[in-house]
């Protein structure tokens, strides 16, 4: 055997990098919003996906009524991401208002 997996392709190296608190803080600063909702949305998520959602938020920041601090956690909640992941390491799930 050559050591390569026969069951699945190797994971993309960029998908293996996940958002930590410092990265979420930088995202919050870029979007000019509080870090807590950004951490709720993205902590532990693949950086590649976080960056795509940040690009989306930047494209919409001039839309009337758009608020990244509300839109991004709503996106994460609907998709079971970030603080709402079923496989969170701390065993907690967030309720609808973001509290554990």
C-alpha atoms as a PDB file:
ATOM      1  CA  UNK A   1       0.000   0.000   0.000  1.00  0.00           C
ATOM      2  CA  UNK A   2       1.145   3.525  -0.667  1.00  0.00           C
ATOM      3  CA  UNK A   3      -0.487   4.979   2.464  1.00  0.00           C
ATOM      4  CA  UNK A   4      -3.216   6.965   0.724  1.00  0.00           C
ATOM      5  CA  UNK A   5      -6.800   6.570   1.848  1.00  0.00           C
ATOM      6  CA  UNK A   6      -9.035   4.287  -0.183  1.00  0.00           C
ATOM      7  CA  UNK A   7     -12.250   5.476   1.474  1.00  0.00           C
ATOM      8  CA  UNK A   8     -12.129   9.237   1.000  1.00  0.00           C
ATOM      9  CA  UNK A   9     -10.070  12.008  -0.508  1.00  0.00           C
ATOM     10  CA  UNK A  10      -7.721  13.836   1.839  1.00  0.00           C
ATOM     11  CA  UNK A  11      -9.259  16.901   3.453  1.00  0.00           C
ATOM     12  CA  UNK A  12      -8.449  20.273   1.975  1.00  0.00           C
ATOM     13  CA  UNK A  13      -5.729  21.903   4.088  1.00  0.00           C
ATOM     14  CA  UNK A  14      -7.721  25.142   4.276  1.00  0.00           C
ATOM     15  CA  UNK A  15     -10.804  23.305   5.560  1.00  0.00           C
ATOM     16  CA  UNK A  16      -8.681  21.914   8.385  1.00  0.00           C
ATOM     17  CA  UNK A  17      -7.987  25.445   9.683  1.00  0.00           C
ATOM     18  CA  UNK A  18     -10.801  26.558  11.987  1.00  0.00           C
ATOM     19  CA  UNK A  19     -11.712  29.960  13.394  1.00  0.00           C
ATOM     20  CA  UNK A  20     -10.559  30.650  16.944  1.00  0.00           C
ATOM     21  CA  UNK A  21     -11.367  33.565  19.245  1.00  0.00           C
ATOM     22  CA  UNK A  22      -8.608  35.791  17.860  1.00  0.00           C
ATOM     23  CA  UNK A  23      -9.730  35.210  14.268  1.00  0.00           C
ATOM     24  CA  UNK A  24     -13.360  35.908  15.209  1.00  0.00           C
ATOM     25  CA  UNK A  25     -12.211  39.135  16.906  1.00  0.00           C
ATOM     26  CA  UNK A  26     -10.518  40.231  13.701  1.00  0.00           C
ATOM     27  CA  UNK A  27     -13.644  39.418  11.696  1.00  0.00           C
ATOM     28  CA  UNK A  28     -15.756  41.450  14.134  1.00  0.00           C
ATOM     29  CA  UNK A  29     -13.363  44.407  13.809  1.00  0.00           C
ATOM     30  CA  UNK A  30     -13.493  44.173  10.018  1.00  0.00           C
ATOM     31  CA  UNK A  31     -17.298  44.138  10.094  1.00  0.00           C
ATOM     32  CA  UNK A  32     -17.333  46.831  12.819  1.00  0.00           C
ATOM     33  CA  UNK A  33     -19.541  44.875  15.200  1.00  0.00           C
ATOM     34  CA  UNK A  34     -19.328  43.261  18.625  1.00  0.00           C
ATOM     35  CA  UNK A  35     -17.221  40.091  18.751  1.00  0.00           C
ATOM     36  CA  UNK A  36     -19.761  37.956  20.643  1.00  0.00           C
ATOM     37  CA  UNK A  37     -22.235  37.372  17.770  1.00  0.00           C
ATOM     38  CA  UNK A  38     -19.346  36.707  15.396  1.00  0.00           C
ATOM     39  CA  UNK A  39     -17.882  34.135  17.784  1.00  0.00           C
ATOM     40  CA  UNK A  40     -21.311  32.542  18.139  1.00  0.00           C
ATOM     41  CA  UNK A  41     -21.533  32.249  14.352  1.00  0.00           C
ATOM     42  CA  UNK A  42     -18.001  31.167  13.496  1.00  0.00           C
ATOM     43  CA  UNK A  43     -16.014  29.772  16.427  1.00  0.00           C
ATOM     44  CA  UNK A  44     -14.731  26.352  15.351  1.00  0.00           C
ATOM     45  CA  UNK A  45     -15.917  26.727  11.750  1.00  0.00           C
ATOM     46  CA  UNK A  46     -13.574  26.266   8.780  1.00  0.00           C
ATOM     47  CA  UNK A  47     -11.810  29.565   8.041  1.00  0.00           C
ATOM     48  CA  UNK A  48     -12.461  29.090   4.335  1.00  0.00           C
ATOM     49  CA  UNK A  49     -16.237  29.195   4.957  1.00  0.00           C
ATOM     50  CA  UNK A  50     -15.958  32.086   7.419  1.00  0.00           C
ATOM     51  CA  UNK A  51     -14.116  34.154   4.828  1.00  0.00           C
ATOM     52  CA  UNK A  52     -16.802  33.447   2.243  1.00  0.00           C
ATOM     53  CA  UNK A  53     -19.516  34.602   4.657  1.00  0.00           C
ATOM     54  CA  UNK A  54     -17.480  37.727   5.487  1.00  0.00           C
ATOM     55  CA  UNK A  55     -17.241  38.507   1.762  1.00  0.00           C
ATOM     56  CA  UNK A  56     -21.015  38.091   1.523  1.00  0.00           C
ATOM     57  CA  UNK A  57     -21.573  40.401   4.507  1.00  0.00           C
ATOM     58  CA  UNK A  58     -19.267  43.061   3.048  1.00  0.00           C
ATOM     59  CA  UNK A  59     -21.186  42.949  -0.254  1.00  0.00           C
ATOM     60  CA  UNK A  60     -24.432  43.577   1.651  1.00  0.00           C
ATOM     61  CA  UNK A  61     -23.265  46.060   4.293  1.00  0.00           C
ATOM     62  CA  UNK A  62     -24.726  48.996   2.330  1.00  0.00           C
ATOM     63  CA  UNK A  63     -28.152  47.325   2.007  1.00  0.00           C
ATOM     64  CA  UNK A  64     -30.821  49.126   3.985  1.00  0.00           C
ATOM     65  CA  UNK A  65     -31.399  47.439   7.347  1.00  0.00           C
ATOM     66  CA  UNK A  66     -28.513  44.972   6.962  1.00  0.00           C
ATOM     67  CA  UNK A  67     -26.764  44.150  10.237  1.00  0.00           C
ATOM     68  CA  UNK A  68     -23.914  41.627  10.093  1.00  0.00           C
ATOM     69  CA  UNK A  69     -24.126  41.062  13.862  1.00  0.00           C
ATOM     70  CA  UNK A  70     -27.665  39.742  13.367  1.00  0.00           C
ATOM     71  CA  UNK A  71     -27.427  38.185   9.907  1.00  0.00           C
ATOM     72  CA  UNK A  72     -24.377  35.990  10.475  1.00  0.00           C
ATOM     73  CA  UNK A  73     -25.550  34.349  13.728  1.00  0.00           C
ATOM     74  CA  UNK A  74     -28.962  33.799  12.102  1.00  0.00           C
ATOM     75  CA  UNK A  75     -27.200  32.054   9.200  1.00  0.00           C
ATOM     76  CA  UNK A  76     -25.241  29.881  11.655  1.00  0.00           C
ATOM     77  CA  UNK A  77     -28.311  29.034  13.755  1.00  0.00           C
ATOM     78  CA  UNK A  78     -30.358  27.944  10.729  1.00  0.00           C
ATOM     79  CA  UNK A  79     -27.534  25.685   9.557  1.00  0.00           C
ATOM     80  CA  UNK A  80     -26.461  24.315  12.938  1.00  0.00           C
ATOM     81  CA  UNK A  81     -23.050  25.975  12.764  1.00  0.00           C
ATOM     82  CA  UNK A  82     -20.827  27.777  15.273  1.00  0.00           C
ATOM     83  CA  UNK A  83     -22.441  27.871  18.707  1.00  0.00           C
ATOM     84  CA  UNK A  84     -25.323  25.762  17.391  1.00  0.00           C
ATOM     85  CA  UNK A  85     -23.237  22.793  16.146  1.00  0.00           C
ATOM     86  CA  UNK A  86     -24.535  19.433  17.300  1.00  0.00           C
ATOM     87  CA  UNK A  87     -20.962  18.222  17.853  1.00  0.00           C
ATOM     88  CA  UNK A  88     -19.712  21.099  20.027  1.00  0.00           C
ATOM     89  CA  UNK A  89     -16.800  19.996  22.166  1.00  0.00           C
ATOM     90  CA  UNK A  90     -18.182  21.629  25.325  1.00  0.00           C
ATOM     91  CA  UNK A  91     -21.429  19.659  25.172  1.00  0.00           C
ATOM     92  CA  UNK A  92     -23.559  22.809  25.169  1.00  0.00           C
ATOM     93  CA  UNK A  93     -26.024  24.002  22.587  1.00  0.00           C
ATOM     94  CA  UNK A  94     -27.189  27.573  22.330  1.00  0.00           C
ATOM     95  CA  UNK A  95     -30.817  28.519  22.542  1.00  0.00           C
ATOM     96  CA  UNK A  96     -32.495  30.971  20.167  1.00  0.00           C
ATOM     97  CA  UNK A  97     -31.190  34.106  21.873  1.00  0.00           C
ATOM     98  CA  UNK A  98     -27.541  32.972  21.859  1.00  0.00           C
ATOM     99  CA  UNK A  99     -27.254  32.039  25.537  1.00  0.00           C
ATOM    100  CA  UNK A 100     -26.053  28.588  26.602  1.00  0.00           C
END
